[in-house]
């Protein structure tokens, strides 16, 4: 893992539920739930889901990111060694949105692939079916990152975590195929900012009344109600 560079850290986006930059919760998820009457409408489901994700998942990740970026790498502060924890906190995101994007969910590998390629469409530019066969790079990242951290407590061999400037590695996830074997790289700092920034667009699609997105909304309701017994 290479050292962090001195660089400007742009402010995180705004949210009605939480101030990501100051770490202040505006709407508490459980209080929001108590205010909504059952059975929930689709709007209720979307509001509750969005609040839970932003306050309970993305909010803590944003605060960890800020603490990490205050520290010089290799120091004695625990925050200086928290990049793995930041990745682990955010890897849920791909499978979570993938359960809505993947009409055949639940199948963890496909859920992950759907979500990952929604956030990073460059890994599936031809919009192929997001199977492991069609997306070997996504499979490789999932195995090295998700499976490594969740199953082994550490990323698997061939995965390098860094915080190099964009001029060196412009993408959050990149593959250097010039090396043998190929070198897989991830920047948890920029990954966190990308995921936090991606979520409003995902929610906008779910709230869009365009009939072309009816299947997406139907799958979300299945995700909310059947998978988690949310109503």
C-alpha atoms as a PDB file:
ATOM      1  CA  UNK A   1       0.000   0.000   0.000  1.00  0.00           C
ATOM      2  CA  UNK A   2       1.594   3.222  -1.131  1.00  0.00           C
ATOM      3  CA  UNK A   3       1.700   6.425   0.841  1.00  0.00           C
ATOM      4  CA  UNK A   4      -0.998   9.070   0.812  1.00  0.00           C
ATOM      5  CA  UNK A   5      -0.176  12.233  -1.118  1.00  0.00           C
ATOM      6  CA  UNK A   6      -0.904  15.770   0.006  1.00  0.00           C
ATOM      7  CA  UNK A   7      -3.902  16.690  -2.104  1.00  0.00           C
ATOM      8  CA  UNK A   8      -7.111  18.667  -1.914  1.00  0.00           C
ATOM      9  CA  UNK A   9     -10.080  16.709  -0.614  1.00  0.00           C
ATOM     10  CA  UNK A  10     -13.293  18.037  -2.187  1.00  0.00           C
ATOM     11  CA  UNK A  11     -16.392  18.423  -0.061  1.00  0.00           C
ATOM     12  CA  UNK A  12     -18.858  15.585  -0.107  1.00  0.00           C
ATOM     13  CA  UNK A  13     -22.323  16.059  -1.550  1.00  0.00           C
ATOM     14  CA  UNK A  14     -25.292  17.385   0.374  1.00  0.00           C
ATOM     15  CA  UNK A  15     -28.121  15.206   1.708  1.00  0.00           C
ATOM     16  CA  UNK A  16     -31.453  15.835   3.418  1.00  0.00           C
ATOM     17  CA  UNK A  17     -30.651  13.020   5.866  1.00  0.00           C
ATOM     18  CA  UNK A  18     -27.091  13.767   6.959  1.00  0.00           C
ATOM     19  CA  UNK A  19     -24.349  16.360   6.630  1.00  0.00           C
ATOM     20  CA  UNK A  20     -21.534  14.173   5.326  1.00  0.00           C
ATOM     21  CA  UNK A  21     -18.929  16.896   5.784  1.00  0.00           C
ATOM     22  CA  UNK A  22     -19.708  17.739   9.411  1.00  0.00           C
ATOM     23  CA  UNK A  23     -20.893  14.267  10.420  1.00  0.00           C
ATOM     24  CA  UNK A  24     -24.253  15.507  11.709  1.00  0.00           C
ATOM     25  CA  UNK A  25     -27.408  13.439  11.303  1.00  0.00           C
ATOM     26  CA  UNK A  26     -30.457  15.458  10.225  1.00  0.00           C
ATOM     27  CA  UNK A  27     -33.057  12.678  10.110  1.00  0.00           C
ATOM     28  CA  UNK A  28     -32.738   9.601  12.307  1.00  0.00           C
ATOM     29  CA  UNK A  29     -33.872   6.456  10.462  1.00  0.00           C
ATOM     30  CA  UNK A  30     -35.853   4.959  13.350  1.00  0.00           C
ATOM     31  CA  UNK A  31     -37.708   8.225  13.957  1.00  0.00           C
ATOM     32  CA  UNK A  32     -38.514   8.396  10.258  1.00  0.00           C
ATOM     33  CA  UNK A  33     -39.880   4.846  10.378  1.00  0.00           C
ATOM     34  CA  UNK A  34     -42.072   5.742  13.350  1.00  0.00           C
ATOM     35  CA  UNK A  35     -43.599   8.651  11.442  1.00  0.00           C
ATOM     36  CA  UNK A  36     -44.635   6.544   8.447  1.00  0.00           C
ATOM     37  CA  UNK A  37     -47.837   4.536   8.659  1.00  0.00           C
ATOM     38  CA  UNK A  38     -48.032   0.941   7.471  1.00  0.00           C
ATOM     39  CA  UNK A  39     -48.544  -0.401   4.921  1.00  0.00           C
ATOM     40  CA  UNK A  40     -45.785   1.681   3.417  1.00  0.00           C
ATOM     41  CA  UNK A  41     -46.255   3.404   0.088  1.00  0.00           C
ATOM     42  CA  UNK A  42     -43.471   3.198  -2.474  1.00  0.00           C
ATOM     43  CA  UNK A  43     -42.446   6.724  -1.467  1.00  0.00           C
ATOM     44  CA  UNK A  44     -42.216   5.632   2.173  1.00  0.00           C
ATOM     45  CA  UNK A  45     -40.057   2.658   1.222  1.00  0.00           C
ATOM     46  CA  UNK A  46     -37.721   4.841  -0.816  1.00  0.00           C
ATOM     47  CA  UNK A  47     -37.401   7.486   1.907  1.00  0.00           C
ATOM     48  CA  UNK A  48     -36.731   4.908   4.632  1.00  0.00           C
ATOM     49  CA  UNK A  49     -34.244   2.983   2.516  1.00  0.00           C
ATOM     50  CA  UNK A  50     -32.387   6.143   1.509  1.00  0.00           C
ATOM     51  CA  UNK A  51     -32.209   7.403   5.093  1.00  0.00           C
ATOM     52  CA  UNK A  52     -30.948   4.070   6.425  1.00  0.00           C
ATOM     53  CA  UNK A  53     -28.220   3.793   3.809  1.00  0.00           C
ATOM     54  CA  UNK A  54     -27.033   7.384   4.139  1.00  0.00           C
ATOM     55  CA  UNK A  55     -27.081   7.587   7.935  1.00  0.00           C
ATOM     56  CA  UNK A  56     -26.082   4.059   8.914  1.00  0.00           C
ATOM     57  CA  UNK A  57     -23.731   3.128   6.083  1.00  0.00           C
ATOM     58  CA  UNK A  58     -22.461   6.025   3.992  1.00  0.00           C
ATOM     59  CA  UNK A  59     -22.302   8.480   6.889  1.00  0.00           C
ATOM     60  CA  UNK A  60     -19.888   6.438   9.017  1.00  0.00           C
ATOM     61  CA  UNK A  61     -17.811   5.690   5.910  1.00  0.00           C
ATOM     62  CA  UNK A  62     -17.592   9.419   5.149  1.00  0.00           C
ATOM     63  CA  UNK A  63     -16.377  10.139   8.680  1.00  0.00           C
ATOM     64  CA  UNK A  64     -13.825   7.350   8.521  1.00  0.00           C
ATOM     65  CA  UNK A  65     -12.607   8.768   5.213  1.00  0.00           C
ATOM     66  CA  UNK A  66     -12.134  12.216   6.762  1.00  0.00           C
ATOM     67  CA  UNK A  67     -10.172  10.820   9.703  1.00  0.00           C
ATOM     68  CA  UNK A  68      -8.039   8.722   7.359  1.00  0.00           C
ATOM     69  CA  UNK A  69      -7.226  11.735   5.205  1.00  0.00           C
ATOM     70  CA  UNK A  70      -6.116  13.774   8.216  1.00  0.00           C
ATOM     71  CA  UNK A  71      -3.358  11.310   9.012  1.00  0.00           C
ATOM     72  CA  UNK A  72      -0.022  10.586   7.444  1.00  0.00           C
ATOM     73  CA  UNK A  73       0.320   6.946   6.415  1.00  0.00           C
ATOM     74  CA  UNK A  74       2.403   4.699   8.600  1.00  0.00           C
ATOM     75  CA  UNK A  75       1.828   6.671  11.777  1.00  0.00           C
ATOM     76  CA  UNK A  76       0.723   5.284  15.114  1.00  0.00           C
ATOM     77  CA  UNK A  77      -2.859   6.528  14.862  1.00  0.00           C
ATOM     78  CA  UNK A  78      -5.402   3.783  14.180  1.00  0.00           C
ATOM     79  CA  UNK A  79      -7.018   6.086  11.617  1.00  0.00           C
ATOM     80  CA  UNK A  80      -3.845   6.001   9.525  1.00  0.00           C
ATOM     81  CA  UNK A  81      -4.378   2.262   9.099  1.00  0.00           C
ATOM     82  CA  UNK A  82      -8.107   2.277   8.386  1.00  0.00           C
ATOM     83  CA  UNK A  83      -8.179   1.979   4.583  1.00  0.00           C
ATOM     84  CA  UNK A  84      -9.098  -1.706   4.753  1.00  0.00           C
ATOM     85  CA  UNK A  85     -11.954  -0.899   7.110  1.00  0.00           C
ATOM     86  CA  UNK A  86     -13.174   1.811   4.745  1.00  0.00           C
ATOM     87  CA  UNK A  87     -13.253  -0.664   1.870  1.00  0.00           C
ATOM     88  CA  UNK A  88     -15.041  -3.272   3.995  1.00  0.00           C
ATOM     89  CA  UNK A  89     -17.641  -0.692   5.032  1.00  0.00           C
ATOM     90  CA  UNK A  90     -18.429   0.164   1.413  1.00  0.00           C
ATOM     91  CA  UNK A  91     -18.234  -3.166  -0.387  1.00  0.00           C
ATOM     92  CA  UNK A  92     -21.814  -3.863   0.724  1.00  0.00           C
ATOM     93  CA  UNK A  93     -22.968  -1.146  -1.689  1.00  0.00           C
ATOM     94  CA  UNK A  94     -22.435  -3.126  -4.876  1.00  0.00           C
ATOM     95  CA  UNK A  95     -24.480  -6.133  -3.780  1.00  0.00           C
ATOM     96  CA  UNK A  96     -27.105  -3.946  -2.122  1.00  0.00           C
ATOM     97  CA  UNK A  97     -28.011  -1.977  -5.235  1.00  0.00           C
ATOM     98  CA  UNK A  98     -27.359  -5.097  -7.306  1.00  0.00           C
ATOM     99  CA  UNK A  99     -30.326  -6.799  -5.634  1.00  0.00           C
ATOM    100  CA  UNK A 100     -32.551  -4.170  -7.248  1.00  0.00           C
ATOM    101  CA  UNK A 101     -30.705  -4.064 -10.560  1.00  0.00           C
ATOM    102  CA  UNK A 102     -30.570  -7.858 -10.898  1.00  0.00           C
ATOM    103  CA  UNK A 103     -34.041  -9.210 -11.673  1.00  0.00           C
ATOM    104  CA  UNK A 104     -32.823 -12.724 -10.837  1.00  0.00           C
ATOM    105  CA  UNK A 105     -31.537 -11.834  -7.386  1.00  0.00           C
ATOM    106  CA  UNK A 106     -30.568 -13.251  -4.980  1.00  0.00           C
ATOM    107  CA  UNK A 107     -27.333 -14.599  -6.365  1.00  0.00           C
ATOM    108  CA  UNK A 108     -24.458 -12.802  -4.619  1.00  0.00           C
ATOM    109  CA  UNK A 109     -21.959 -12.890  -7.457  1.00  0.00           C
ATOM    110  CA  UNK A 110     -24.422 -11.499  -9.995  1.00  0.00           C
ATOM    111  CA  UNK A 111     -25.757  -8.939  -7.518  1.00  0.00           C
ATOM    112  CA  UNK A 112     -22.202  -7.688  -7.000  1.00  0.00           C
ATOM    113  CA  UNK A 113     -21.498  -7.597 -10.737  1.00  0.00           C
ATOM    114  CA  UNK A 114     -24.699  -5.676 -11.481  1.00  0.00           C
ATOM    115  CA  UNK A 115     -23.966  -3.118  -8.779  1.00  0.00           C
ATOM    116  CA  UNK A 116     -20.281  -2.767  -9.554  1.00  0.00           C
ATOM    117  CA  UNK A 117     -20.936  -2.123 -13.244  1.00  0.00           C
ATOM    118  CA  UNK A 118     -23.654   0.400 -12.428  1.00  0.00           C
ATOM    119  CA  UNK A 119     -21.128   2.415 -10.451  1.00  0.00           C
ATOM    120  CA  UNK A 120     -18.280   1.689 -12.877  1.00  0.00           C
ATOM    121  CA  UNK A 121     -19.822   1.134 -16.343  1.00  0.00           C
ATOM    122  CA  UNK A 122     -16.393   1.166 -17.991  1.00  0.00           C
ATOM    123  CA  UNK A 123     -16.001  -2.436 -16.809  1.00  0.00           C
ATOM    124  CA  UNK A 124     -18.956  -3.443 -18.976  1.00  0.00           C
ATOM    125  CA  UNK A 125     -18.947  -0.962 -21.880  1.00  0.00           C
ATOM    126  CA  UNK A 126     -20.863  -3.280 -24.208  1.00  0.00           C
ATOM    127  CA  UNK A 127     -23.607  -3.894 -21.610  1.00  0.00           C
ATOM    128  CA  UNK A 128     -23.122  -7.650 -21.673  1.00  0.00           C
ATOM    129  CA  UNK A 129     -24.866  -9.916 -19.192  1.00  0.00           C
ATOM    130  CA  UNK A 130     -22.896  -9.347 -15.989  1.00  0.00           C
ATOM    131  CA  UNK A 131     -21.744 -12.922 -15.588  1.00  0.00           C
ATOM    132  CA  UNK A 132     -18.275 -13.807 -14.365  1.00  0.00           C
ATOM    133  CA  UNK A 133     -17.508 -15.225 -17.803  1.00  0.00           C
ATOM    134  CA  UNK A 134     -18.270 -11.900 -19.488  1.00  0.00           C
ATOM    135  CA  UNK A 135     -16.643  -9.747 -16.805  1.00  0.00           C
ATOM    136  CA  UNK A 136     -13.414 -11.416 -15.679  1.00  0.00           C
ATOM    137  CA  UNK A 137     -11.963  -8.176 -14.250  1.00  0.00           C
ATOM    138  CA  UNK A 138     -15.022  -7.626 -12.051  1.00  0.00           C
ATOM    139  CA  UNK A 139     -14.832 -11.228 -10.896  1.00  0.00           C
ATOM    140  CA  UNK A 140     -11.157 -10.720 -10.057  1.00  0.00           C
ATOM    141  CA  UNK A 141     -11.859  -7.597  -7.996  1.00  0.00           C
ATOM    142  CA  UNK A 142     -14.752  -9.283  -6.192  1.00  0.00           C
ATOM    143  CA  UNK A 143     -12.639 -12.281  -5.312  1.00  0.00           C
ATOM    144  CA  UNK A 144      -9.614 -10.300  -4.192  1.00  0.00           C
ATOM    145  CA  UNK A 145     -11.525  -7.605  -2.311  1.00  0.00           C
ATOM    146  CA  UNK A 146     -14.879  -8.862  -1.105  1.00  0.00           C
ATOM    147  CA  UNK A 147     -14.019 -12.509  -0.640  1.00  0.00           C
ATOM    148  CA  UNK A 148     -10.583 -11.711   0.719  1.00  0.00           C
ATOM    149  CA  UNK A 149     -11.773  -9.253   3.372  1.00  0.00           C
ATOM    150  CA  UNK A 150     -14.963 -11.086   4.306  1.00  0.00           C
ATOM    151  CA  UNK A 151     -13.513 -14.587   4.362  1.00  0.00           C
ATOM    152  CA  UNK A 152      -9.826 -14.135   5.168  1.00  0.00           C
ATOM    153  CA  UNK A 153      -9.609 -10.769   6.902  1.00  0.00           C
ATOM    154  CA  UNK A 154      -7.246  -9.439   4.245  1.00  0.00           C
ATOM    155  CA  UNK A 155      -7.320  -8.791   0.518  1.00  0.00           C
ATOM    156  CA  UNK A 156      -6.057 -11.632  -1.630  1.00  0.00           C
ATOM    157  CA  UNK A 157      -2.773 -11.715  -3.486  1.00  0.00           C
ATOM    158  CA  UNK A 158      -2.529  -9.495  -6.547  1.00  0.00           C
ATOM    159  CA  UNK A 159      -4.622  -6.631  -5.138  1.00  0.00           C
ATOM    160  CA  UNK A 160      -2.865  -3.346  -4.333  1.00  0.00           C
ATOM    161  CA  UNK A 161      -4.440  -0.554  -2.272  1.00  0.00           C
ATOM    162  CA  UNK A 162      -3.135   2.955  -2.887  1.00  0.00           C
ATOM    163  CA  UNK A 163      -3.874   6.663  -2.678  1.00  0.00           C
ATOM    164  CA  UNK A 164      -1.872   7.884  -5.625  1.00  0.00           C
ATOM    165  CA  UNK A 165      -2.973  11.111  -7.354  1.00  0.00           C
ATOM    166  CA  UNK A 166      -5.251  10.970 -10.380  1.00  0.00           C
ATOM    167  CA  UNK A 167      -2.305  11.824 -12.612  1.00  0.00           C
ATOM    168  CA  UNK A 168      -0.812   8.431 -11.746  1.00  0.00           C
ATOM    169  CA  UNK A 169      -3.939   6.253 -11.535  1.00  0.00           C
ATOM    170  CA  UNK A 170      -6.989   8.188 -12.758  1.00  0.00           C
ATOM    171  CA  UNK A 171      -9.537   5.492 -11.882  1.00  0.00           C
ATOM    172  CA  UNK A 172     -10.801   4.112  -8.558  1.00  0.00           C
ATOM    173  CA  UNK A 173     -10.290   0.583  -9.881  1.00  0.00           C
ATOM    174  CA  UNK A 174      -7.654  -0.201 -12.465  1.00  0.00           C
ATOM    175  CA  UNK A 175      -5.888  -3.209 -13.935  1.00  0.00           C
ATOM    176  CA  UNK A 176      -2.273  -3.093 -15.089  1.00  0.00           C
ATOM    177  CA  UNK A 177      -2.092  -5.886 -17.636  1.00  0.00           C
ATOM    178  CA  UNK A 178       1.493  -5.058 -18.562  1.00  0.00           C
ATOM    179  CA  UNK A 179       2.600  -6.885 -15.446  1.00  0.00           C
ATOM    180  CA  UNK A 180       2.499 -10.673 -15.250  1.00  0.00           C
ATOM    181  CA  UNK A 181       0.322 -11.622 -13.527  1.00  0.00           C
ATOM    182  CA  UNK A 182      -1.951  -8.619 -13.976  1.00  0.00           C
ATOM    183  CA  UNK A 183      -1.904  -6.090 -11.163  1.00  0.00           C
ATOM    184  CA  UNK A 184      -5.298  -5.086  -9.713  1.00  0.00           C
ATOM    185  CA  UNK A 185      -5.449  -1.728  -7.932  1.00  0.00           C
ATOM    186  CA  UNK A 186      -8.033   0.176  -5.893  1.00  0.00           C
ATOM    187  CA  UNK A 187      -8.007   3.615  -4.312  1.00  0.00           C
ATOM    188  CA  UNK A 188     -10.321   3.483  -1.253  1.00  0.00           C
ATOM    189  CA  UNK A 189     -10.331   7.285  -0.906  1.00  0.00           C
ATOM    190  CA  UNK A 190     -11.733   7.955  -4.357  1.00  0.00           C
ATOM    191  CA  UNK A 191     -13.891   4.809  -4.216  1.00  0.00           C
ATOM    192  CA  UNK A 192     -15.635   6.192  -1.118  1.00  0.00           C
ATOM    193  CA  UNK A 193     -16.315   9.526  -2.790  1.00  0.00           C
ATOM    194  CA  UNK A 194     -17.602   7.824  -5.927  1.00  0.00           C
ATOM    195  CA  UNK A 195     -20.023   5.553  -4.058  1.00  0.00           C
ATOM    196  CA  UNK A 196     -21.356   8.382  -1.872  1.00  0.00           C
ATOM    197  CA  UNK A 197     -21.831  10.433  -5.029  1.00  0.00           C
ATOM    198  CA  UNK A 198     -23.470   7.580  -6.951  1.00  0.00           C
ATOM    199  CA  UNK A 199     -26.323   6.883  -4.542  1.00  0.00           C
ATOM    200  CA  UNK A 200     -28.526   9.942  -5.349  1.00  0.00           C
ATOM    201  CA  UNK A 201     -28.592   8.953  -9.023  1.00  0.00           C
ATOM    202  CA  UNK A 202     -29.674   5.431  -8.119  1.00  0.00           C
ATOM    203  CA  UNK A 203     -32.456   6.826  -5.942  1.00  0.00           C
ATOM    204  CA  UNK A 204     -33.514   9.225  -8.705  1.00  0.00           C
ATOM    205  CA  UNK A 205     -34.045   6.291 -11.046  1.00  0.00           C
ATOM    206  CA  UNK A 206     -36.227   4.572  -8.471  1.00  0.00           C
ATOM    207  CA  UNK A 207     -38.290   7.743  -8.021  1.00  0.00           C
ATOM    208  CA  UNK A 208     -38.556   8.421 -11.756  1.00  0.00           C
ATOM    209  CA  UNK A 209     -42.125   7.771 -12.915  1.00  0.00           C
ATOM    210  CA  UNK A 210     -40.995   6.747 -16.396  1.00  0.00           C
ATOM    211  CA  UNK A 211     -42.769   3.476 -17.231  1.00  0.00           C
ATOM    212  CA  UNK A 212     -39.510   2.088 -18.606  1.00  0.00           C
ATOM    213  CA  UNK A 213     -38.306   1.898 -15.001  1.00  0.00           C
ATOM    214  CA  UNK A 214     -41.356   0.045 -13.661  1.00  0.00           C
ATOM    215  CA  UNK A 215     -39.446  -3.250 -13.519  1.00  0.00           C
ATOM    216  CA  UNK A 216     -36.700  -1.581 -11.495  1.00  0.00           C
ATOM    217  CA  UNK A 217     -39.226  -0.260  -8.996  1.00  0.00           C
ATOM    218  CA  UNK A 218     -40.961  -3.628  -8.783  1.00  0.00           C
ATOM    219  CA  UNK A 219     -37.663  -5.306  -7.985  1.00  0.00           C
ATOM    220  CA  UNK A 220     -36.907  -2.656  -5.364  1.00  0.00           C
ATOM    221  CA  UNK A 221     -40.249  -3.333  -3.652  1.00  0.00           C
ATOM    222  CA  UNK A 222     -39.429  -7.046  -3.672  1.00  0.00           C
ATOM    223  CA  UNK A 223     -36.034  -6.214  -2.190  1.00  0.00           C
ATOM    224  CA  UNK A 224     -37.593  -4.024   0.507  1.00  0.00           C
ATOM    225  CA  UNK A 225     -40.573  -6.199   1.403  1.00  0.00           C
ATOM    226  CA  UNK A 226     -39.659  -9.818   0.730  1.00  0.00           C
ATOM    227  CA  UNK A 227     -35.915  -9.848   1.380  1.00  0.00           C
ATOM    228  CA  UNK A 228     -36.092  -7.770   4.558  1.00  0.00           C
ATOM    229  CA  UNK A 229     -39.762  -7.943   5.537  1.00  0.00           C
ATOM    230  CA  UNK A 230     -39.776  -4.164   5.515  1.00  0.00           C
ATOM    231  CA  UNK A 231     -43.552  -3.731   5.501  1.00  0.00           C
END
